[in-house]
Amino acid sequence: MVLPDLRGYGDSSKPPAGPDNANYAKRALAQDQVEVMAALDFERFAVAGHDRGTRVAHRLARDHPERIEQLALLDIVPTLYRFETIDQKAPTASAH
């Protein structure tokens, strides 16, 4: 089992965000996971994502479907629904 930190989270490095915050885009974070698994000699692997990691796992599956054996996406509002319905009420109501 491999449990990597996402870039910028936990004890991982925190590189500059770059133009348009591209270094923290879900696509960049998904690519990190592909590279970590390749470095560990895993060409195909199961992926599970929770909360923000779910969005990374979803992007990984969209960009690299040939790498995914199984996929579990946990505890996240579907992205398209969130983008289509977001307003000030949503984050205010769900603030911790």
N, C-alpha and C. Protein backbone atom coordinates (compact mmCIF):
# COMPACT_ATOMS: atom_id res chain seq x y z
N MET A 1 0.84 -1.17 0.00
CA MET A 1 0.00 0.00 0.00
C MET A 1 0.89 1.24 0.00
N VAL A 2 0.54 2.20 -0.83
CA VAL A 2 1.28 3.46 -0.93
C VAL A 2 0.32 4.58 -0.54
N LEU A 3 0.73 5.41 0.42
CA LEU A 3 -0.12 6.52 0.89
C LEU A 3 0.65 7.82 0.80
N PRO A 4 0.78 8.38 -0.40
CA PRO A 4 1.57 9.61 -0.55
C PRO A 4 0.79 10.85 -0.11
N ASP A 5 1.52 11.83 0.38
CA ASP A 5 0.94 13.16 0.60
C ASP A 5 0.69 13.78 -0.76
N LEU A 6 -0.37 14.54 -0.87
CA LEU A 6 -0.55 15.36 -2.07
C LEU A 6 0.39 16.55 -1.97
N ARG A 7 0.85 17.00 -3.09
CA ARG A 7 1.73 18.17 -3.15
C ARG A 7 1.11 19.32 -2.35
N GLY A 8 1.90 19.87 -1.45
CA GLY A 8 1.43 21.00 -0.65
C GLY A 8 0.69 20.62 0.61
N TYR A 9 0.40 19.35 0.81
CA TYR A 9 -0.29 18.88 2.00
C TYR A 9 0.70 18.16 2.91
N GLY A 10 0.40 18.07 4.17
CA GLY A 10 1.21 17.28 5.09
C GLY A 10 2.67 17.70 5.05
N ASP A 11 3.56 16.71 4.99
CA ASP A 11 4.99 16.95 4.99
C ASP A 11 5.59 17.05 3.59
N SER A 12 4.73 17.07 2.55
CA SER A 12 5.26 17.15 1.19
C SER A 12 5.81 18.55 0.91
N SER A 13 6.55 18.64 -0.20
CA SER A 13 7.11 19.94 -0.58
C SER A 13 5.99 20.89 -0.99
N LYS A 14 6.31 22.15 -0.98
CA LYS A 14 5.34 23.18 -1.32
C LYS A 14 5.95 24.12 -2.36
N PRO A 15 6.00 23.67 -3.62
CA PRO A 15 6.61 24.51 -4.66
C PRO A 15 5.75 25.75 -4.93
N PRO A 16 6.33 26.75 -5.57
CA PRO A 16 5.55 27.93 -5.95
C PRO A 16 4.35 27.52 -6.81
N ALA A 17 3.27 28.26 -6.69
CA ALA A 17 2.05 27.91 -7.41
C ALA A 17 2.20 28.01 -8.93
N GLY A 18 3.01 28.96 -9.40
CA GLY A 18 3.22 29.12 -10.83
C GLY A 18 2.05 29.84 -11.49
N PRO A 19 2.15 30.02 -12.82
CA PRO A 19 1.10 30.74 -13.55
C PRO A 19 -0.25 30.03 -13.38
N ASP A 20 -1.26 30.79 -13.09
CA ASP A 20 -2.63 30.26 -12.93
C ASP A 20 -2.70 29.15 -11.89
N ASN A 21 -1.79 29.13 -10.94
CA ASN A 21 -1.75 28.09 -9.90
C ASN A 21 -1.61 26.68 -10.48
N ALA A 22 -1.01 26.56 -11.65
CA ALA A 22 -0.92 25.29 -12.37
C ALA A 22 -0.23 24.19 -11.56
N ASN A 23 0.72 24.55 -10.71
CA ASN A 23 1.43 23.53 -9.92
C ASN A 23 0.54 22.88 -8.86
N TYR A 24 -0.63 23.45 -8.62
CA TYR A 24 -1.56 22.87 -7.65
C TYR A 24 -2.87 22.44 -8.30
N ALA A 25 -2.90 22.42 -9.61
CA ALA A 25 -4.08 21.92 -10.33
C ALA A 25 -4.22 20.43 -10.05
N LYS A 26 -5.45 19.96 -10.08
CA LYS A 26 -5.68 18.52 -9.85
C LYS A 26 -4.91 17.68 -10.87
N ARG A 27 -4.76 18.20 -12.07
CA ARG A 27 -4.00 17.48 -13.11
C ARG A 27 -2.54 17.31 -12.69
N ALA A 28 -1.93 18.34 -12.13
CA ALA A 28 -0.53 18.25 -11.67
C ALA A 28 -0.41 17.28 -10.50
N LEU A 29 -1.37 17.32 -9.57
CA LEU A 29 -1.33 16.42 -8.42
C LEU A 29 -1.54 14.97 -8.86
N ALA A 30 -2.41 14.77 -9.86
CA ALA A 30 -2.62 13.43 -10.39
C ALA A 30 -1.36 12.91 -11.07
N GLN A 31 -0.69 13.76 -11.82
CA GLN A 31 0.56 13.37 -12.48
C GLN A 31 1.61 12.98 -11.44
N ASP A 32 1.66 13.69 -10.33
CA ASP A 32 2.58 13.32 -9.24
C ASP A 32 2.35 11.87 -8.82
N GLN A 33 1.08 11.48 -8.70
CA GLN A 33 0.77 10.12 -8.23
C GLN A 33 1.21 9.08 -9.26
N VAL A 34 1.01 9.38 -10.54
CA VAL A 34 1.45 8.47 -11.60
C VAL A 34 2.97 8.30 -11.52
N GLU A 35 3.67 9.40 -11.32
CA GLU A 35 5.14 9.34 -11.26
C GLU A 35 5.63 8.60 -10.02
N VAL A 36 4.99 8.80 -8.90
CA VAL A 36 5.36 8.06 -7.68
C VAL A 36 5.18 6.57 -7.91
N MET A 37 4.02 6.19 -8.44
CA MET A 37 3.76 4.76 -8.64
C MET A 37 4.70 4.16 -9.68
N ALA A 38 5.03 4.89 -10.72
CA ALA A 38 5.98 4.40 -11.73
C ALA A 38 7.36 4.22 -11.10
N ALA A 39 7.76 5.15 -10.24
CA ALA A 39 9.06 5.04 -9.56
C ALA A 39 9.11 3.81 -8.67
N LEU A 40 7.95 3.37 -8.20
CA LEU A 40 7.87 2.17 -7.36
C LEU A 40 7.56 0.92 -8.18
N ASP A 41 7.67 1.04 -9.52
CA ASP A 41 7.44 -0.05 -10.47
C ASP A 41 6.00 -0.54 -10.55
N PHE A 42 5.04 0.35 -10.31
CA PHE A 42 3.64 0.03 -10.49
C PHE A 42 3.14 0.76 -11.74
N GLU A 43 2.86 -0.01 -12.79
CA GLU A 43 2.30 0.59 -14.01
C GLU A 43 0.79 0.71 -13.91
N ARG A 44 0.15 -0.25 -13.24
CA ARG A 44 -1.30 -0.24 -12.98
C ARG A 44 -1.50 -0.38 -11.48
N PHE A 45 -2.53 0.27 -10.97
CA PHE A 45 -2.74 0.26 -9.52
C PHE A 45 -4.17 0.66 -9.18
N ALA A 46 -4.59 0.29 -8.00
CA ALA A 46 -5.88 0.72 -7.46
C ALA A 46 -5.70 2.09 -6.83
N VAL A 47 -6.74 2.90 -6.89
CA VAL A 47 -6.69 4.26 -6.36
C VAL A 47 -7.93 4.48 -5.49
N ALA A 48 -7.70 5.06 -4.32
CA ALA A 48 -8.80 5.50 -3.46
C ALA A 48 -8.54 6.95 -3.09
N GLY A 49 -9.56 7.76 -3.18
CA GLY A 49 -9.43 9.17 -2.81
C GLY A 49 -10.53 9.56 -1.84
N HIS A 50 -10.17 10.42 -0.90
CA HIS A 50 -11.14 10.94 0.07
C HIS A 50 -11.05 12.46 0.09
N ASP A 51 -12.19 13.12 0.12
CA ASP A 51 -12.27 14.56 0.19
C ASP A 51 -11.51 15.18 -0.99
N ARG A 52 -10.52 16.03 -0.75
CA ARG A 52 -9.79 16.64 -1.86
C ARG A 52 -9.03 15.60 -2.68
N GLY A 53 -8.59 14.55 -2.03
CA GLY A 53 -7.92 13.46 -2.75
C GLY A 53 -8.84 12.79 -3.76
N THR A 54 -10.15 12.87 -3.52
CA THR A 54 -11.10 12.32 -4.49
C THR A 54 -11.04 13.07 -5.80
N ARG A 55 -10.91 14.38 -5.72
CA ARG A 55 -10.82 15.16 -6.96
C ARG A 55 -9.53 14.82 -7.72
N VAL A 56 -8.45 14.58 -6.99
CA VAL A 56 -7.19 14.17 -7.62
C VAL A 56 -7.34 12.78 -8.24
N ALA A 57 -7.95 11.87 -7.50
CA ALA A 57 -8.16 10.51 -8.01
C ALA A 57 -9.04 10.53 -9.26
N HIS A 58 -10.07 11.36 -9.27
CA HIS A 58 -10.94 11.49 -10.43
C HIS A 58 -10.16 12.01 -11.64
N ARG A 59 -9.33 13.03 -11.42
CA ARG A 59 -8.50 13.58 -12.51
C ARG A 59 -7.52 12.52 -13.00
N LEU A 60 -6.93 11.76 -12.09
CA LEU A 60 -6.00 10.70 -12.46
C LEU A 60 -6.70 9.68 -13.36
N ALA A 61 -7.90 9.30 -12.98
CA ALA A 61 -8.65 8.32 -13.78
C ALA A 61 -9.02 8.88 -15.15
N ARG A 62 -9.32 10.16 -15.22
CA ARG A 62 -9.67 10.78 -16.51
C ARG A 62 -8.44 10.90 -17.41
N ASP A 63 -7.29 11.28 -16.83
CA ASP A 63 -6.08 11.50 -17.62
C ASP A 63 -5.30 10.23 -17.90
N HIS A 64 -5.41 9.24 -17.03
CA HIS A 64 -4.58 8.02 -17.14
C HIS A 64 -5.42 6.76 -16.90
N PRO A 65 -6.50 6.55 -17.64
CA PRO A 65 -7.35 5.39 -17.38
C PRO A 65 -6.63 4.06 -17.53
N GLU A 66 -5.61 4.04 -18.35
CA GLU A 66 -4.86 2.79 -18.55
C GLU A 66 -4.07 2.38 -17.31
N ARG A 67 -3.89 3.27 -16.36
CA ARG A 67 -3.14 3.00 -15.14
C ARG A 67 -4.02 2.44 -14.01
N ILE A 68 -5.32 2.61 -14.12
CA ILE A 68 -6.23 2.33 -13.02
C ILE A 68 -6.80 0.92 -13.10
N GLU A 69 -6.60 0.14 -12.04
CA GLU A 69 -7.22 -1.18 -11.93
C GLU A 69 -8.58 -1.08 -11.25
N GLN A 70 -8.64 -0.31 -10.18
CA GLN A 70 -9.87 -0.08 -9.44
C GLN A 70 -9.85 1.36 -8.95
N LEU A 71 -11.05 1.92 -8.75
CA LEU A 71 -11.15 3.31 -8.32
C LEU A 71 -12.25 3.44 -7.28
N ALA A 72 -11.93 4.08 -6.16
CA ALA A 72 -12.92 4.38 -5.12
C ALA A 72 -12.86 5.88 -4.84
N LEU A 73 -14.00 6.54 -4.99
CA LEU A 73 -14.11 7.98 -4.76
C LEU A 73 -15.05 8.18 -3.57
N LEU A 74 -14.53 8.74 -2.48
CA LEU A 74 -15.29 8.82 -1.24
C LEU A 74 -15.52 10.24 -0.76
N ASP A 75 -16.70 10.52 -0.27
CA ASP A 75 -17.02 11.74 0.45
C ASP A 75 -16.73 13.03 -0.31
N ILE A 76 -17.35 13.17 -1.45
CA ILE A 76 -17.19 14.41 -2.20
C ILE A 76 -18.48 14.69 -2.98
N VAL A 77 -18.83 15.94 -3.08
CA VAL A 77 -19.96 16.33 -3.92
C VAL A 77 -19.48 16.27 -5.36
N PRO A 78 -20.26 15.69 -6.27
CA PRO A 78 -19.82 15.61 -7.67
C PRO A 78 -19.40 16.98 -8.21
N THR A 79 -18.28 17.00 -8.90
CA THR A 79 -17.66 18.24 -9.36
C THR A 79 -18.59 19.09 -10.22
N LEU A 80 -19.21 18.51 -11.23
CA LEU A 80 -20.07 19.28 -12.12
C LEU A 80 -21.23 19.90 -11.33
N TYR A 81 -21.84 19.12 -10.44
CA TYR A 81 -22.93 19.64 -9.61
C TYR A 81 -22.44 20.84 -8.80
N ARG A 82 -21.27 20.70 -8.19
CA ARG A 82 -20.74 21.79 -7.36
C ARG A 82 -20.50 23.04 -8.20
N PHE A 83 -19.90 22.89 -9.37
CA PHE A 83 -19.62 24.04 -10.22
C PHE A 83 -20.91 24.72 -10.70
N GLU A 84 -21.93 23.92 -10.98
CA GLU A 84 -23.19 24.48 -11.49
C GLU A 84 -24.05 25.12 -10.40
N THR A 85 -23.84 24.76 -9.14
CA THR A 85 -24.73 25.23 -8.08
C THR A 85 -24.05 26.08 -7.01
N ILE A 86 -22.78 26.35 -7.14
CA ILE A 86 -22.06 27.08 -6.09
C ILE A 86 -22.56 28.52 -5.99
N ASP A 87 -22.74 28.96 -4.77
CA ASP A 87 -23.05 30.35 -4.48
C ASP A 87 -22.54 30.62 -3.06
N GLN A 88 -22.73 31.79 -2.56
CA GLN A 88 -22.20 32.13 -1.23
C GLN A 88 -22.84 31.30 -0.12
N LYS A 89 -24.08 30.85 -0.31
CA LYS A 89 -24.77 30.07 0.72
C LYS A 89 -24.07 28.74 0.99
N ALA A 90 -23.57 28.08 -0.06
CA ALA A 90 -22.98 26.76 0.09
C ALA A 90 -21.77 26.75 1.04
N PRO A 91 -20.73 27.57 0.80
CA PRO A 91 -19.59 27.52 1.72
C PRO A 91 -19.93 28.07 3.11
N THR A 92 -20.84 29.01 3.18
CA THR A 92 -21.22 29.55 4.50
C THR A 92 -21.93 28.49 5.33
N ALA A 93 -22.81 27.74 4.70
CA ALA A 93 -23.56 26.70 5.40
C ALA A 93 -22.70 25.52 5.82
N SER A 94 -21.60 25.27 5.09
CA SER A 94 -20.78 24.09 5.40
C SER A 94 -19.48 24.44 6.11
N ALA A 95 -19.33 25.70 6.54
CA ALA A 95 -18.11 26.09 7.25
C ALA A 95 -18.01 25.31 8.55
N HIS A 96 -16.80 24.93 8.88
CA HIS A 96 -16.58 24.14 10.11
C HIS A 96 -16.67 25.02 11.32
